[in-house]
C-alpha atoms as a PDB file:
ATOM      1  CA  MET A   1      16.908  86.792  21.842  1.00  0.00           C
ATOM      2  CA  GLN A   2      20.625  87.175  22.573  1.00  0.00           C
ATOM      3  CA  LYS A   3      20.216  85.377  25.892  1.00  0.00           C
ATOM      4  CA  ASN A   4      18.597  82.398  24.160  1.00  0.00           C
ATOM      5  CA  LYS A   5      21.457  82.247  21.663  1.00  0.00           C
ATOM      6  CA  ALA A   6      24.034  82.367  24.434  1.00  0.00           C
ATOM      7  CA  ASP A   7      22.171  79.682  26.386  1.00  0.00           C
ATOM      8  CA  PHE A   8      22.007  77.488  23.289  1.00  0.00           C
ATOM      9  CA  LYS A   9      25.735  77.867  22.632  1.00  0.00           C
ATOM     10  CA  ASN A  10      26.561  77.126  26.259  1.00  0.00           C
ATOM     11  CA  THR A  11      24.309  74.066  26.279  1.00  0.00           C
ATOM     12  CA  PHE A  12      25.807  72.823  23.024  1.00  0.00           C
ATOM     13  CA  LYS A  13      29.352  73.193  24.396  1.00  0.00           C
ATOM     14  CA  LEU A  14      28.424  71.312  27.566  1.00  0.00           C
ATOM     15  CA  LEU A  15      26.766  68.522  25.582  1.00  0.00           C
ATOM     16  CA  ASN A  16      29.820  68.270  23.360  1.00  0.00           C
ATOM     17  CA  GLU A  17      32.122  67.878  26.342  1.00  0.00           C
ATOM     18  CA  ALA A  18      29.737  65.459  28.051  1.00  0.00           C
ATOM     19  CA  SER A  19      29.561  63.244  24.969  1.00  0.00           C
ATOM     20  CA  SER A  20      33.328  62.937  25.021  1.00  0.00           C
ATOM     21  CA  ILE A  21      32.958  61.097  28.351  1.00  0.00           C
ATOM     22  CA  SER A  22      31.341  58.151  26.599  1.00  0.00           C
ATOM     23  CA  VAL A  23      33.950  58.260  23.873  1.00  0.00           C
ATOM     24  CA  SER A  24      36.682  58.062  26.521  1.00  0.00           C
ATOM     25  CA  LEU A  25      35.029  55.124  28.247  1.00  0.00           C
ATOM     26  CA  VAL A  26      34.826  53.180  24.979  1.00  0.00           C
ATOM     27  CA  PHE A  27      37.893  54.327  23.015  1.00  0.00           C
ATOM     28  CA  PHE A  28      40.686  53.793  25.531  1.00  0.00           C
ATOM     29  CA  PRO A  29      39.763  50.253  26.624  1.00  0.00           C
ATOM     30  CA  ILE A  30      39.410  49.147  22.998  1.00  0.00           C
ATOM     31  CA  ILE A  31      42.765  50.644  21.977  1.00  0.00           C
ATOM     32  CA  PHE A  32      44.593  49.171  24.952  1.00  0.00           C
ATOM     33  CA  LEU A  33      42.849  45.819  24.468  1.00  0.00           C
ATOM     34  CA  LEU A  34      43.886  45.652  20.824  1.00  0.00           C
ATOM     35  CA  SER A  35      47.427  46.653  21.735  1.00  0.00           C
ATOM     36  CA  GLY A  36      47.531  43.837  24.298  1.00  0.00           C
ATOM     37  CA  VAL A  37      46.227  41.308  21.806  1.00  0.00           C
ATOM     38  CA  ILE A  38      48.835  42.354  19.236  1.00  0.00           C
ATOM     39  CA  LEU A  39      51.642  42.174  21.796  1.00  0.00           C
ATOM     40  CA  ASP A  40      50.455  38.756  22.978  1.00  0.00           C
ATOM     41  CA  SER A  41      50.389  37.406  19.446  1.00  0.00           C
ATOM     42  CA  LYS A  42      53.831  38.814  18.606  1.00  0.00           C
ATOM     43  CA  LEU A  43      55.501  37.687  21.843  1.00  0.00           C
ATOM     44  CA  ASP A  44      53.462  34.492  22.327  1.00  0.00           C
ATOM     45  CA  THR A  45      52.763  35.344  25.962  1.00  0.00           C
ATOM     46  CA  GLY A  46      49.186  34.143  26.322  1.00  0.00           C
ATOM     47  CA  PRO A  47      46.640  36.610  27.676  1.00  0.00           C
ATOM     48  CA  ALA A  48      49.098  38.573  29.846  1.00  0.00           C
ATOM     49  CA  PHE A  49      49.301  41.757  27.781  1.00  0.00           C
ATOM     50  CA  THR A  50      45.619  41.522  26.876  1.00  0.00           C
ATOM     51  CA  LEU A  51      44.635  41.593  30.547  1.00  0.00           C
ATOM     52  CA  VAL A  52      47.067  44.409  31.280  1.00  0.00           C
ATOM     53  CA  GLY A  53      45.692  46.298  28.274  1.00  0.00           C
ATOM     54  CA  ILE A  54      42.116  45.945  29.452  1.00  0.00           C
ATOM     55  CA  VAL A  55      42.945  47.143  32.967  1.00  0.00           C
ATOM     56  CA  LEU A  56      45.026  50.081  31.708  1.00  0.00           C
ATOM     57  CA  GLY A  57      42.378  51.034  29.169  1.00  0.00           C
ATOM     58  CA  VAL A  58      39.621  51.089  31.763  1.00  0.00           C
ATOM     59  CA  VAL A  59      41.760  53.071  34.218  1.00  0.00           C
ATOM     60  CA  VAL A  60      42.804  55.626  31.593  1.00  0.00           C
ATOM     61  CA  GLY A  61      39.228  55.876  30.312  1.00  0.00           C
ATOM     62  CA  PHE A  62      37.840  56.551  33.780  1.00  0.00           C
ATOM     63  CA  ILE A  63      40.548  59.089  34.622  1.00  0.00           C
ATOM     64  CA  ARG A  64      39.802  60.946  31.395  1.00  0.00           C
ATOM     65  CA  ALA A  65      36.037  60.742  32.015  1.00  0.00           C
ATOM     66  CA  ILE A  66      36.447  62.124  35.544  1.00  0.00           C
ATOM     67  CA  LYS A  67      38.514  65.038  34.253  1.00  0.00           C
ATOM     68  CA  ILE A  68      35.923  65.840  31.596  1.00  0.00           C
ATOM     69  CA  ALA A  69      33.052  65.517  34.071  1.00  0.00           C
ATOM     70  CA  GLY A  70      34.803  67.855  36.483  1.00  0.00           C
ATOM     71  CA  LYS A  71      35.239  70.395  33.709  1.00  0.00           C
ATOM     72  CA  VAL A  72      31.577  70.102  32.692  1.00  0.00           C
ATOM     73  CA  LEU A  73      30.305  70.410  36.264  1.00  0.00           C
ATOM     74  CA  THR A  74      32.396  73.492  37.014  1.00  0.00           C
ATOM     75  CA  LYS A  75      31.043  75.254  33.894  1.00  0.00           C
ATOM     76  CA  LYS A  76      27.455  74.973  35.116  1.00  0.00           C
END
């Protein structure tokens, strides 16, 4: 019975960390995109900051997702 409880807790922790991968892949691009749009509207620079925001958001999201995935895979 104790082994099943420990397995359940371990599985729940791994699922929690794995779900944060998808959050990283969605959250960071949206935040950086919105920041770029706001900067473009304030500075009247066209889509320059929006494009930079998208690229930075995707890069940061993937770096964060890779770090989380590495942590999840090493805990197996």
